[in-house]
Amino acid sequence: MLLNHYYEGLVEAGCDEAGRGCLAGSVYAAAVILPDDYHNEDLNDSKQLTEKKRYMLREQIERDAVAWAVGIVTPEEIDRINILRASFLAMHRALDQLAVRPEALIIDGNRFTPYCPPLPDGTRAEQPLPAMPIVKGDGKYLAIAAASVLAKTYRDDYMNALAEEYPQYDWASNKGYPTKKHRRAIAEYGTTPYHRLSYNLLGTGELSLDFK
């Protein structure tokens, strides 16, 4: 059974990302604040759920959450700043959009960059919020699991739309991950504006020739 809180007595937001290991597409992250006494027996790490269950849960999360938001970092930004920093930036962007300001953060993973929330005057707080990275947190805390579901489903929607534009890469199925079919298509057709050129796209250990 997943836990409600790490920080007792504080308004806590859970964060998770989707698409970090993909060869193509933006990285998505979500931030979710759930009610203090929230319970949902179906909620779990999005990777452990069926696609149908994820979308059903997305409706429930958006209906029940105190606040939720999704942040996006583009392939161009990923190539410029690297995927680890891009994942944290996507989480920061999601947190910036929350209608309710969290007082503490729990994050799926083992690292996180300090997050200083925005102030009404357009500046940011001098002190970052308390934040705890939790390895496999999407299988331990409800708010992180909820964030994983939102990040995954919204990124899947995005990749499904891109698949209509570039059907040869099989993105509707692989969602941009490095499958054999995806890499064969890159070898045959080249890269698209959505590929991460700083990645080892062909699996040969070499970066794309298009990456400057």
N, C-alpha and C. Protein backbone atom coordinates (compact mmCIF):
# COMPACT_ATOMS: atom_id res chain seq x y z
N MET A 1 0.83 -1.20 0.00
CA MET A 1 0.00 0.00 0.00
C MET A 1 0.88 1.26 0.00
N LEU A 2 0.57 2.20 -0.88
CA LEU A 2 1.37 3.41 -1.00
C LEU A 2 1.06 4.38 0.14
N LEU A 3 2.07 5.17 0.50
CA LEU A 3 1.96 6.10 1.61
C LEU A 3 1.46 7.47 1.15
N ASN A 4 0.84 8.20 2.07
CA ASN A 4 0.33 9.53 1.75
C ASN A 4 1.39 10.61 1.83
N HIS A 5 2.23 10.54 2.87
CA HIS A 5 3.14 11.66 3.12
C HIS A 5 4.53 11.19 3.52
N TYR A 6 5.50 11.99 3.11
CA TYR A 6 6.84 11.89 3.67
C TYR A 6 7.02 13.00 4.71
N TYR A 7 6.61 14.23 4.34
CA TYR A 7 6.68 15.37 5.24
C TYR A 7 5.32 15.56 5.92
N GLU A 8 5.20 15.14 7.13
CA GLU A 8 3.93 15.28 7.85
C GLU A 8 3.66 16.75 8.18
N GLY A 9 2.42 17.16 7.97
CA GLY A 9 2.01 18.51 8.35
C GLY A 9 2.35 19.59 7.33
N LEU A 10 2.94 19.22 6.20
CA LEU A 10 3.26 20.19 5.15
C LEU A 10 2.48 19.87 3.88
N VAL A 11 2.20 20.91 3.09
CA VAL A 11 1.60 20.71 1.77
C VAL A 11 2.69 20.16 0.87
N GLU A 12 2.51 18.92 0.45
CA GLU A 12 3.58 18.17 -0.22
C GLU A 12 3.20 17.87 -1.67
N ALA A 13 4.12 18.15 -2.57
CA ALA A 13 3.91 17.82 -3.99
C ALA A 13 4.81 16.66 -4.37
N GLY A 14 4.26 15.71 -5.10
CA GLY A 14 5.04 14.61 -5.66
C GLY A 14 5.41 14.91 -7.10
N CYS A 15 6.63 14.54 -7.52
CA CYS A 15 7.10 14.82 -8.88
C CYS A 15 7.67 13.56 -9.52
N ASP A 16 7.44 13.43 -10.81
CA ASP A 16 8.05 12.34 -11.58
C ASP A 16 8.12 12.77 -13.04
N GLU A 17 8.99 12.08 -13.79
CA GLU A 17 9.14 12.42 -15.22
C GLU A 17 8.87 11.20 -16.09
N ALA A 18 8.72 11.44 -17.39
CA ALA A 18 8.56 10.37 -18.36
C ALA A 18 9.33 10.74 -19.62
N GLY A 19 10.00 9.75 -20.20
CA GLY A 19 10.68 9.97 -21.47
C GLY A 19 12.15 10.24 -21.37
N ARG A 20 12.73 9.98 -20.21
CA ARG A 20 14.15 10.29 -20.04
C ARG A 20 15.04 9.44 -20.95
N GLY A 21 14.69 8.17 -21.15
CA GLY A 21 15.54 7.29 -21.95
C GLY A 21 15.20 7.22 -23.42
N CYS A 22 14.34 8.11 -23.89
CA CYS A 22 13.89 8.08 -25.28
C CYS A 22 14.91 8.70 -26.23
N LEU A 23 14.89 8.27 -27.48
CA LEU A 23 15.73 8.86 -28.51
C LEU A 23 15.06 10.08 -29.15
N ALA A 24 13.76 10.19 -28.99
CA ALA A 24 13.02 11.27 -29.64
C ALA A 24 11.93 11.80 -28.72
N GLY A 25 11.60 13.06 -28.94
CA GLY A 25 10.52 13.68 -28.20
C GLY A 25 10.97 14.42 -26.96
N SER A 26 10.09 15.27 -26.46
CA SER A 26 10.34 16.04 -25.25
C SER A 26 10.30 15.13 -24.02
N VAL A 27 10.91 15.58 -22.95
CA VAL A 27 10.74 14.92 -21.66
C VAL A 27 9.62 15.64 -20.92
N TYR A 28 8.74 14.88 -20.30
CA TYR A 28 7.58 15.42 -19.59
C TYR A 28 7.75 15.14 -18.10
N ALA A 29 7.27 16.06 -17.28
CA ALA A 29 7.24 15.83 -15.84
C ALA A 29 5.93 16.35 -15.29
N ALA A 30 5.50 15.78 -14.18
CA ALA A 30 4.27 16.22 -13.54
C ALA A 30 4.53 16.47 -12.06
N ALA A 31 3.75 17.38 -11.51
CA ALA A 31 3.76 17.65 -10.07
C ALA A 31 2.32 17.55 -9.59
N VAL A 32 2.10 16.85 -8.48
CA VAL A 32 0.75 16.61 -7.98
C VAL A 32 0.70 16.82 -6.47
N ILE A 33 -0.30 17.56 -6.03
CA ILE A 33 -0.61 17.68 -4.61
C ILE A 33 -1.94 16.98 -4.38
N LEU A 34 -1.95 15.96 -3.53
CA LEU A 34 -3.16 15.21 -3.23
C LEU A 34 -3.73 15.63 -1.88
N PRO A 35 -5.02 15.40 -1.65
CA PRO A 35 -5.59 15.67 -0.32
C PRO A 35 -4.89 14.86 0.76
N ASP A 36 -4.88 15.37 1.97
CA ASP A 36 -4.17 14.72 3.08
C ASP A 36 -4.58 13.27 3.30
N ASP A 37 -5.87 13.00 3.17
CA ASP A 37 -6.39 11.66 3.49
C ASP A 37 -6.69 10.85 2.23
N TYR A 38 -5.99 11.15 1.14
CA TYR A 38 -6.32 10.53 -0.15
C TYR A 38 -6.01 9.03 -0.15
N HIS A 39 -6.91 8.27 -0.75
CA HIS A 39 -6.71 6.83 -0.92
C HIS A 39 -7.14 6.44 -2.33
N ASN A 40 -6.34 5.61 -2.96
CA ASN A 40 -6.71 5.08 -4.28
C ASN A 40 -5.94 3.77 -4.46
N GLU A 41 -6.64 2.66 -4.31
CA GLU A 41 -5.99 1.35 -4.32
C GLU A 41 -5.43 0.99 -5.70
N ASP A 42 -5.92 1.66 -6.75
CA ASP A 42 -5.45 1.36 -8.10
C ASP A 42 -4.16 2.09 -8.45
N LEU A 43 -3.83 3.11 -7.69
CA LEU A 43 -2.70 3.97 -8.03
C LEU A 43 -1.38 3.28 -7.71
N ASN A 44 -0.47 3.30 -8.70
CA ASN A 44 0.84 2.67 -8.55
C ASN A 44 1.77 3.28 -9.59
N ASP A 45 3.03 2.90 -9.55
CA ASP A 45 3.99 3.28 -10.57
C ASP A 45 3.37 3.05 -11.94
N SER A 46 3.39 4.07 -12.81
CA SER A 46 2.70 3.99 -14.10
C SER A 46 3.22 2.83 -14.95
N LYS A 47 4.48 2.45 -14.77
CA LYS A 47 5.04 1.34 -15.56
C LYS A 47 4.42 0.00 -15.19
N GLN A 48 3.79 -0.07 -14.03
CA GLN A 48 3.15 -1.31 -13.58
C GLN A 48 1.68 -1.40 -13.98
N LEU A 49 1.19 -0.38 -14.67
CA LEU A 49 -0.23 -0.30 -15.01
C LEU A 49 -0.45 -0.50 -16.50
N THR A 50 -1.63 -0.98 -16.87
CA THR A 50 -1.98 -1.06 -18.28
C THR A 50 -2.29 0.34 -18.80
N GLU A 51 -2.24 0.49 -20.10
CA GLU A 51 -2.55 1.79 -20.70
C GLU A 51 -3.97 2.24 -20.33
N LYS A 52 -4.92 1.32 -20.39
CA LYS A 52 -6.30 1.65 -20.05
C LYS A 52 -6.40 2.14 -18.60
N LYS A 53 -5.69 1.46 -17.69
CA LYS A 53 -5.74 1.83 -16.27
C LYS A 53 -5.09 3.20 -16.06
N ARG A 54 -4.01 3.48 -16.78
CA ARG A 54 -3.35 4.79 -16.63
C ARG A 54 -4.28 5.93 -17.00
N TYR A 55 -5.00 5.77 -18.10
CA TYR A 55 -5.88 6.86 -18.53
C TYR A 55 -7.10 6.99 -17.61
N MET A 56 -7.56 5.88 -17.09
CA MET A 56 -8.65 5.94 -16.12
C MET A 56 -8.18 6.68 -14.87
N LEU A 57 -6.96 6.36 -14.42
CA LEU A 57 -6.42 7.01 -13.24
C LEU A 57 -6.15 8.49 -13.49
N ARG A 58 -5.75 8.84 -14.70
CA ARG A 58 -5.51 10.26 -14.99
C ARG A 58 -6.76 11.09 -14.72
N GLU A 59 -7.90 10.59 -15.15
CA GLU A 59 -9.16 11.30 -14.89
C GLU A 59 -9.41 11.44 -13.40
N GLN A 60 -9.16 10.37 -12.66
CA GLN A 60 -9.38 10.41 -11.21
C GLN A 60 -8.43 11.38 -10.52
N ILE A 61 -7.16 11.35 -10.92
CA ILE A 61 -6.16 12.24 -10.31
C ILE A 61 -6.51 13.69 -10.57
N GLU A 62 -6.85 14.01 -11.80
CA GLU A 62 -7.16 15.41 -12.14
C GLU A 62 -8.43 15.88 -11.42
N ARG A 63 -9.34 14.98 -11.20
CA ARG A 63 -10.56 15.32 -10.47
C ARG A 63 -10.30 15.49 -8.97
N ASP A 64 -9.46 14.63 -8.40
CA ASP A 64 -9.30 14.57 -6.95
C ASP A 64 -8.17 15.45 -6.40
N ALA A 65 -7.19 15.76 -7.22
CA ALA A 65 -6.00 16.46 -6.73
C ALA A 65 -6.32 17.86 -6.23
N VAL A 66 -5.59 18.29 -5.22
CA VAL A 66 -5.64 19.68 -4.78
C VAL A 66 -5.09 20.57 -5.88
N ALA A 67 -4.03 20.12 -6.54
CA ALA A 67 -3.43 20.83 -7.68
C ALA A 67 -2.57 19.84 -8.46
N TRP A 68 -2.47 20.08 -9.76
CA TRP A 68 -1.60 19.26 -10.61
C TRP A 68 -1.14 20.09 -11.79
N ALA A 69 0.00 19.73 -12.36
CA ALA A 69 0.50 20.45 -13.53
C ALA A 69 1.54 19.57 -14.23
N VAL A 70 1.76 19.88 -15.50
CA VAL A 70 2.73 19.14 -16.32
C VAL A 70 3.74 20.13 -16.90
N GLY A 71 5.01 19.77 -16.84
CA GLY A 71 6.08 20.58 -17.41
C GLY A 71 6.79 19.84 -18.53
N ILE A 72 7.29 20.57 -19.51
CA ILE A 72 7.86 19.98 -20.73
C ILE A 72 9.21 20.64 -21.03
N VAL A 73 10.18 19.81 -21.45
CA VAL A 73 11.46 20.31 -21.94
C VAL A 73 11.71 19.67 -23.31
N THR A 74 12.01 20.48 -24.30
CA THR A 74 12.07 20.05 -25.70
C THR A 74 13.35 19.28 -26.01
N PRO A 75 13.35 18.56 -27.14
CA PRO A 75 14.59 17.87 -27.56
C PRO A 75 15.76 18.84 -27.73
N GLU A 76 15.51 20.04 -28.26
CA GLU A 76 16.58 21.02 -28.44
C GLU A 76 17.19 21.40 -27.09
N GLU A 77 16.34 21.59 -26.10
CA GLU A 77 16.83 21.93 -24.76
C GLU A 77 17.59 20.75 -24.16
N ILE A 78 17.09 19.54 -24.37
CA ILE A 78 17.77 18.35 -23.86
C ILE A 78 19.19 18.28 -24.43
N ASP A 79 19.32 18.50 -25.73
CA ASP A 79 20.63 18.45 -26.36
C ASP A 79 21.56 19.53 -25.80
N ARG A 80 20.98 20.65 -25.43
CA ARG A 80 21.80 21.77 -24.95
C ARG A 80 22.25 21.60 -23.50
N ILE A 81 21.38 21.05 -22.64
CA ILE A 81 21.69 21.05 -21.21
C ILE A 81 21.87 19.65 -20.63
N ASN A 82 21.61 18.62 -21.36
CA ASN A 82 21.67 17.18 -21.02
C ASN A 82 20.37 16.73 -20.35
N ILE A 83 20.11 15.43 -20.44
CA ILE A 83 18.80 14.90 -20.05
C ILE A 83 18.57 14.94 -18.55
N LEU A 84 19.61 14.79 -17.75
CA LEU A 84 19.40 14.85 -16.30
C LEU A 84 18.91 16.23 -15.89
N ARG A 85 19.61 17.26 -16.35
CA ARG A 85 19.20 18.63 -16.03
C ARG A 85 17.84 18.94 -16.65
N ALA A 86 17.58 18.40 -17.84
CA ALA A 86 16.29 18.63 -18.49
C ALA A 86 15.15 18.01 -17.70
N SER A 87 15.38 16.82 -17.12
CA SER A 87 14.35 16.18 -16.32
C SER A 87 14.00 17.04 -15.10
N PHE A 88 15.03 17.57 -14.44
CA PHE A 88 14.78 18.43 -13.29
C PHE A 88 14.09 19.72 -13.71
N LEU A 89 14.50 20.28 -14.86
CA LEU A 89 13.87 21.51 -15.35
C LEU A 89 12.39 21.27 -15.65
N ALA A 90 12.06 20.11 -16.22
CA ALA A 90 10.65 19.81 -16.50
C ALA A 90 9.85 19.75 -15.19
N MET A 91 10.44 19.17 -14.14
CA MET A 91 9.77 19.14 -12.84
C MET A 91 9.60 20.56 -12.29
N HIS A 92 10.63 21.38 -12.41
CA HIS A 92 10.53 22.77 -11.95
C HIS A 92 9.42 23.51 -12.69
N ARG A 93 9.33 23.28 -13.99
CA ARG A 93 8.28 23.94 -14.78
C ARG A 93 6.89 23.47 -14.35
N ALA A 94 6.77 22.20 -14.04
CA ALA A 94 5.48 21.71 -13.55
C ALA A 94 5.15 22.36 -12.20
N LEU A 95 6.12 22.42 -11.31
CA LEU A 95 5.91 23.02 -9.99
C LEU A 95 5.52 24.49 -10.11
N ASP A 96 6.14 25.20 -11.05
CA ASP A 96 5.82 26.62 -11.24
C ASP A 96 4.35 26.84 -11.59
N GLN A 97 3.74 25.85 -12.23
CA GLN A 97 2.37 26.00 -12.71
C GLN A 97 1.30 25.59 -11.69
N LEU A 98 1.70 25.02 -10.57
CA LEU A 98 0.71 24.56 -9.60
C LEU A 98 -0.12 25.72 -9.06
N ALA A 99 -1.43 25.53 -9.00
CA ALA A 99 -2.32 26.58 -8.50
C ALA A 99 -2.21 26.74 -6.99
N VAL A 100 -1.73 25.71 -6.32
CA VAL A 100 -1.49 25.75 -4.87
C VAL A 100 0.00 25.58 -4.64
N ARG A 101 0.59 26.44 -3.85
CA ARG A 101 2.04 26.38 -3.60
C ARG A 101 2.38 25.28 -2.60
N PRO A 102 3.24 24.34 -3.00
CA PRO A 102 3.67 23.30 -2.06
C PRO A 102 4.66 23.86 -1.03
N GLU A 103 4.74 23.18 0.08
CA GLU A 103 5.70 23.54 1.13
C GLU A 103 6.87 22.56 1.20
N ALA A 104 6.73 21.43 0.51
CA ALA A 104 7.79 20.42 0.47
C ALA A 104 7.57 19.55 -0.77
N LEU A 105 8.65 18.86 -1.18
CA LEU A 105 8.60 18.08 -2.40
C LEU A 105 9.14 16.67 -2.15
N ILE A 106 8.52 15.69 -2.82
CA ILE A 106 9.07 14.34 -2.88
C ILE A 106 9.21 13.99 -4.35
N ILE A 107 10.35 13.45 -4.72
CA ILE A 107 10.72 13.27 -6.12
C ILE A 107 11.13 11.83 -6.37
N ASP A 108 10.68 11.27 -7.47
CA ASP A 108 11.12 9.93 -7.84
C ASP A 108 12.56 9.99 -8.33
N GLY A 109 13.44 9.19 -7.72
CA GLY A 109 14.83 9.17 -8.15
C GLY A 109 15.78 9.34 -6.98
N ASN A 110 17.05 9.55 -7.31
CA ASN A 110 18.06 9.68 -6.26
C ASN A 110 18.71 11.06 -6.20
N ARG A 111 18.27 11.96 -7.08
CA ARG A 111 18.83 13.31 -7.09
C ARG A 111 17.76 14.32 -7.48
N PHE A 112 18.03 15.58 -7.13
CA PHE A 112 17.13 16.66 -7.52
C PHE A 112 17.87 17.98 -7.34
N THR A 113 17.61 18.95 -8.22
CA THR A 113 18.20 20.26 -8.06
C THR A 113 17.28 21.13 -7.21
N PRO A 114 17.83 21.98 -6.34
CA PRO A 114 17.00 22.80 -5.45
C PRO A 114 15.96 23.62 -6.22
N TYR A 115 14.76 23.66 -5.67
CA TYR A 115 13.66 24.39 -6.29
C TYR A 115 13.25 25.56 -5.39
N CYS A 116 13.43 26.77 -5.91
CA CYS A 116 13.00 27.98 -5.21
C CYS A 116 11.71 28.47 -5.86
N PRO A 117 10.60 28.46 -5.15
CA PRO A 117 9.31 28.80 -5.77
C PRO A 117 9.24 30.26 -6.19
N PRO A 118 8.42 30.55 -7.21
CA PRO A 118 8.25 31.93 -7.67
C PRO A 118 7.47 32.76 -6.65
N LEU A 119 7.81 34.03 -6.60
CA LEU A 119 7.12 34.98 -5.72
C LEU A 119 6.22 35.88 -6.55
N PRO A 120 5.24 36.54 -5.92
CA PRO A 120 4.29 37.40 -6.67
C PRO A 120 4.96 38.51 -7.48
N ASP A 121 6.14 38.95 -7.03
CA ASP A 121 6.81 40.05 -7.74
C ASP A 121 7.65 39.57 -8.93
N GLY A 122 7.58 38.28 -9.23
CA GLY A 122 8.32 37.76 -10.38
C GLY A 122 9.69 37.22 -10.04
N THR A 123 10.15 37.45 -8.82
CA THR A 123 11.42 36.88 -8.38
C THR A 123 11.17 35.49 -7.80
N ARG A 124 12.21 34.90 -7.26
CA ARG A 124 12.07 33.58 -6.62
C ARG A 124 12.52 33.65 -5.17
N ALA A 125 11.95 32.77 -4.38
CA ALA A 125 12.33 32.71 -2.97
C ALA A 125 13.82 32.41 -2.85
N GLU A 126 14.44 32.95 -1.82
CA GLU A 126 15.86 32.74 -1.63
C GLU A 126 16.16 31.32 -1.15
N GLN A 127 15.26 30.75 -0.39
CA GLN A 127 15.47 29.42 0.15
C GLN A 127 14.69 28.37 -0.65
N PRO A 128 15.34 27.30 -1.05
CA PRO A 128 14.60 26.24 -1.76
C PRO A 128 13.67 25.49 -0.81
N LEU A 129 12.65 24.87 -1.39
CA LEU A 129 11.73 24.06 -0.61
C LEU A 129 12.44 22.79 -0.13
N PRO A 130 12.05 22.28 1.03
CA PRO A 130 12.54 20.95 1.43
C PRO A 130 12.17 19.94 0.35
N ALA A 131 13.13 19.12 -0.05
CA ALA A 131 12.88 18.17 -1.14
C ALA A 131 13.60 16.86 -0.85
N MET A 132 12.89 15.76 -1.01
CA MET A 132 13.47 14.44 -0.74
C MET A 132 13.37 13.55 -1.98
N PRO A 133 14.50 13.26 -2.63
CA PRO A 133 14.49 12.26 -3.69
C PRO A 133 14.31 10.87 -3.08
N ILE A 134 13.46 10.07 -3.71
CA ILE A 134 13.15 8.74 -3.18
C ILE A 134 13.28 7.72 -4.31
N VAL A 135 14.22 6.82 -4.18
CA VAL A 135 14.43 5.79 -5.20
C VAL A 135 13.18 4.92 -5.29
N LYS A 136 12.67 4.74 -6.51
CA LYS A 136 11.44 3.99 -6.77
C LYS A 136 10.27 4.58 -5.97
N GLY A 137 10.29 5.89 -5.84
CA GLY A 137 9.24 6.58 -5.09
C GLY A 137 7.86 6.44 -5.70
N ASP A 138 7.80 6.18 -7.02
CA ASP A 138 6.50 6.03 -7.68
C ASP A 138 5.79 4.75 -7.24
N GLY A 139 6.51 3.87 -6.57
CA GLY A 139 5.89 2.67 -6.01
C GLY A 139 5.75 2.73 -4.50
N LYS A 140 6.04 3.93 -3.92
CA LYS A 140 6.01 4.07 -2.47
C LYS A 140 5.06 5.16 -1.98
N TYR A 141 4.92 6.24 -2.76
CA TYR A 141 4.12 7.39 -2.32
C TYR A 141 3.07 7.74 -3.37
N LEU A 142 1.86 7.98 -2.89
CA LEU A 142 0.73 8.24 -3.80
C LEU A 142 0.96 9.43 -4.71
N ALA A 143 1.50 10.53 -4.16
CA ALA A 143 1.65 11.73 -4.97
C ALA A 143 2.67 11.53 -6.09
N ILE A 144 3.73 10.76 -5.81
CA ILE A 144 4.70 10.48 -6.88
C ILE A 144 4.09 9.55 -7.91
N ALA A 145 3.36 8.55 -7.46
CA ALA A 145 2.68 7.64 -8.39
C ALA A 145 1.70 8.40 -9.27
N ALA A 146 0.97 9.35 -8.69
CA ALA A 146 0.03 10.17 -9.46
C ALA A 146 0.78 10.99 -10.50
N ALA A 147 1.93 11.55 -10.10
CA ALA A 147 2.73 12.34 -11.04
C ALA A 147 3.25 11.46 -12.17
N SER A 148 3.61 10.22 -11.85
CA SER A 148 4.11 9.32 -12.89
C SER A 148 3.03 9.00 -13.91
N VAL A 149 1.79 8.85 -13.45
CA VAL A 149 0.67 8.58 -14.36
C VAL A 149 0.43 9.77 -15.28
N LEU A 150 0.42 10.98 -14.73
CA LEU A 150 0.18 12.16 -15.56
C LEU A 150 1.31 12.38 -16.55
N ALA A 151 2.55 12.28 -16.09
CA ALA A 151 3.67 12.49 -17.00
C ALA A 151 3.65 11.47 -18.14
N LYS A 152 3.41 10.21 -17.81
CA LYS A 152 3.41 9.15 -18.81
C LYS A 152 2.27 9.33 -19.82
N THR A 153 1.06 9.58 -19.35
CA THR A 153 -0.07 9.66 -20.28
C THR A 153 0.00 10.91 -21.16
N TYR A 154 0.42 12.03 -20.59
CA TYR A 154 0.51 13.23 -21.42
C TYR A 154 1.65 13.12 -22.42
N ARG A 155 2.73 12.46 -22.05
CA ARG A 155 3.80 12.26 -23.04
C ARG A 155 3.36 11.26 -24.10
N ASP A 156 2.63 10.22 -23.73
CA ASP A 156 2.12 9.27 -24.72
C ASP A 156 1.21 9.97 -25.73
N ASP A 157 0.35 10.86 -25.25
CA ASP A 157 -0.51 11.62 -26.17
C ASP A 157 0.32 12.39 -27.18
N TYR A 158 1.37 13.03 -26.68
CA TYR A 158 2.26 13.83 -27.52
C TYR A 158 2.97 12.95 -28.55
N MET A 159 3.49 11.79 -28.14
CA MET A 159 4.19 10.92 -29.09
C MET A 159 3.23 10.31 -30.10
N ASN A 160 2.00 10.03 -29.68
CA ASN A 160 1.01 9.51 -30.62
C ASN A 160 0.72 10.55 -31.71
N ALA A 161 0.68 11.82 -31.33
CA ALA A 161 0.46 12.89 -32.31
C ALA A 161 1.65 13.00 -33.27
N LEU A 162 2.86 12.89 -32.74
CA LEU A 162 4.05 12.95 -33.59
C LEU A 162 4.11 11.75 -34.53
N ALA A 163 3.59 10.61 -34.08
CA ALA A 163 3.60 9.40 -34.91
C ALA A 163 2.77 9.58 -36.18
N GLU A 164 1.75 10.41 -36.12
CA GLU A 164 0.95 10.67 -37.32
C GLU A 164 1.76 11.46 -38.34
N GLU A 165 2.66 12.30 -37.84
CA GLU A 165 3.51 13.11 -38.72
C GLU A 165 4.67 12.29 -39.29
N TYR A 166 5.19 11.37 -38.47
CA TYR A 166 6.34 10.54 -38.87
C TYR A 166 6.05 9.07 -38.57
N PRO A 167 5.18 8.43 -39.35
CA PRO A 167 4.76 7.06 -39.02
C PRO A 167 5.88 6.02 -39.16
N GLN A 168 6.89 6.31 -39.94
CA GLN A 168 7.93 5.30 -40.20
C GLN A 168 8.75 4.95 -38.96
N TYR A 169 8.72 5.78 -37.93
CA TYR A 169 9.54 5.53 -36.74
C TYR A 169 8.80 4.71 -35.67
N ASP A 170 7.54 4.38 -35.92
CA ASP A 170 6.77 3.51 -35.02
C ASP A 170 6.59 4.11 -33.62
N TRP A 171 6.50 5.45 -33.55
CA TRP A 171 6.38 6.12 -32.26
C TRP A 171 5.07 5.81 -31.55
N ALA A 172 4.03 5.46 -32.30
CA ALA A 172 2.77 5.11 -31.66
C ALA A 172 2.93 3.89 -30.77
N SER A 173 3.90 3.05 -31.13
CA SER A 173 4.17 1.85 -30.34
C SER A 173 5.31 2.05 -29.35
N ASN A 174 6.46 2.59 -29.84
CA ASN A 174 7.64 2.66 -28.97
C ASN A 174 7.76 3.96 -28.18
N LYS A 175 6.93 4.96 -28.51
CA LYS A 175 6.90 6.25 -27.79
C LYS A 175 8.27 6.94 -27.78
N GLY A 176 9.11 6.61 -28.77
CA GLY A 176 10.41 7.26 -28.87
C GLY A 176 11.54 6.51 -28.23
N TYR A 177 11.25 5.37 -27.59
CA TYR A 177 12.30 4.60 -26.93
C TYR A 177 13.15 3.85 -27.98
N PRO A 178 14.35 3.41 -27.61
CA PRO A 178 15.29 2.83 -28.57
C PRO A 178 15.02 1.37 -28.91
N THR A 179 13.96 1.11 -29.63
CA THR A 179 13.68 -0.24 -30.11
C THR A 179 14.48 -0.49 -31.40
N LYS A 180 14.58 -1.74 -31.78
CA LYS A 180 15.29 -2.08 -33.03
C LYS A 180 14.61 -1.42 -34.23
N LYS A 181 13.28 -1.44 -34.25
CA LYS A 181 12.55 -0.85 -35.37
C LYS A 181 12.79 0.65 -35.44
N HIS A 182 12.82 1.31 -34.30
CA HIS A 182 13.08 2.74 -34.27
C HIS A 182 14.47 3.04 -34.82
N ARG A 183 15.46 2.29 -34.36
CA ARG A 183 16.84 2.55 -34.81
C ARG A 183 17.02 2.20 -36.29
N ARG A 184 16.34 1.17 -36.78
CA ARG A 184 16.40 0.86 -38.21
C ARG A 184 15.83 2.00 -39.03
N ALA A 185 14.75 2.60 -38.54
CA ALA A 185 14.13 3.72 -39.26
C ALA A 185 15.06 4.93 -39.27
N ILE A 186 15.77 5.18 -38.18
CA ILE A 186 16.73 6.29 -38.16
C ILE A 186 17.83 6.04 -39.19
N ALA A 187 18.31 4.81 -39.25
CA ALA A 187 19.36 4.46 -40.21
C ALA A 187 18.87 4.63 -41.64
N GLU A 188 17.61 4.31 -41.89
CA GLU A 188 17.07 4.37 -43.25
C GLU A 188 16.62 5.77 -43.65
N TYR A 189 15.93 6.47 -42.74
CA TYR A 189 15.31 7.75 -43.09
C TYR A 189 16.03 8.97 -42.50
N GLY A 190 16.97 8.73 -41.59
CA GLY A 190 17.64 9.85 -40.94
C GLY A 190 16.85 10.35 -39.73
N THR A 191 17.27 11.48 -39.21
CA THR A 191 16.64 12.04 -38.01
C THR A 191 15.53 13.00 -38.38
N THR A 192 14.71 13.31 -37.39
CA THR A 192 13.63 14.28 -37.52
C THR A 192 13.93 15.46 -36.59
N PRO A 193 13.14 16.54 -36.67
CA PRO A 193 13.33 17.64 -35.72
C PRO A 193 13.06 17.24 -34.27
N TYR A 194 12.50 16.06 -34.05
CA TYR A 194 12.15 15.63 -32.70
C TYR A 194 13.18 14.68 -32.08
N HIS A 195 14.17 14.27 -32.86
CA HIS A 195 15.19 13.38 -32.32
C HIS A 195 16.18 14.16 -31.45
N ARG A 196 16.69 13.48 -30.43
CA ARG A 196 17.70 14.06 -29.53
C ARG A 196 19.07 13.76 -30.12
N LEU A 197 19.64 14.74 -30.75
CA LEU A 197 20.85 14.53 -31.53
C LEU A 197 22.08 14.27 -30.67
N SER A 198 22.00 14.58 -29.39
CA SER A 198 23.12 14.30 -28.49
C SER A 198 23.11 12.86 -28.01
N TYR A 199 22.12 12.09 -28.42
CA TYR A 199 22.01 10.70 -28.01
C TYR A 199 22.71 9.77 -29.02
N ASN A 200 23.00 8.56 -28.57
CA ASN A 200 23.57 7.52 -29.42
C ASN A 200 22.41 6.87 -30.19
N LEU A 201 21.98 7.54 -31.23
CA LEU A 201 20.72 7.18 -31.89
C LEU A 201 20.74 5.81 -32.56
N LEU A 202 21.86 5.43 -33.12
CA LEU A 202 21.92 4.15 -33.85
C LEU A 202 22.41 3.00 -32.99
N GLY A 203 22.80 3.29 -31.75
CA GLY A 203 23.29 2.23 -30.88
C GLY A 203 24.70 1.81 -31.20
N THR A 204 25.43 2.64 -31.95
CA THR A 204 26.80 2.30 -32.36
C THR A 204 27.85 2.89 -31.45
N GLY A 205 27.41 3.72 -30.50
CA GLY A 205 28.36 4.40 -29.63
C GLY A 205 28.78 5.75 -30.15
N GLU A 206 28.27 6.12 -31.33
CA GLU A 206 28.61 7.41 -31.93
C GLU A 206 27.41 8.34 -31.87
N LEU A 207 27.68 9.65 -31.72
CA LEU A 207 26.60 10.64 -31.73
C LEU A 207 26.19 10.91 -33.16
N SER A 208 24.99 11.50 -33.30
CA SER A 208 24.49 11.85 -34.62
C SER A 208 25.42 12.84 -35.31
N LEU A 209 25.59 12.66 -36.62
CA LEU A 209 26.40 13.60 -37.39
C LEU A 209 25.79 15.00 -37.42
N ASP A 210 24.47 15.09 -37.11
CA ASP A 210 23.79 16.37 -37.13
C ASP A 210 24.04 17.15 -35.85
N PHE A 211 24.63 16.51 -34.82
CA PHE A 211 24.81 17.18 -33.54
C PHE A 211 26.08 17.99 -33.56
N LYS A 212 25.93 19.28 -33.36
CA LYS A 212 27.08 20.21 -33.37
C LYS A 212 27.48 20.51 -31.94
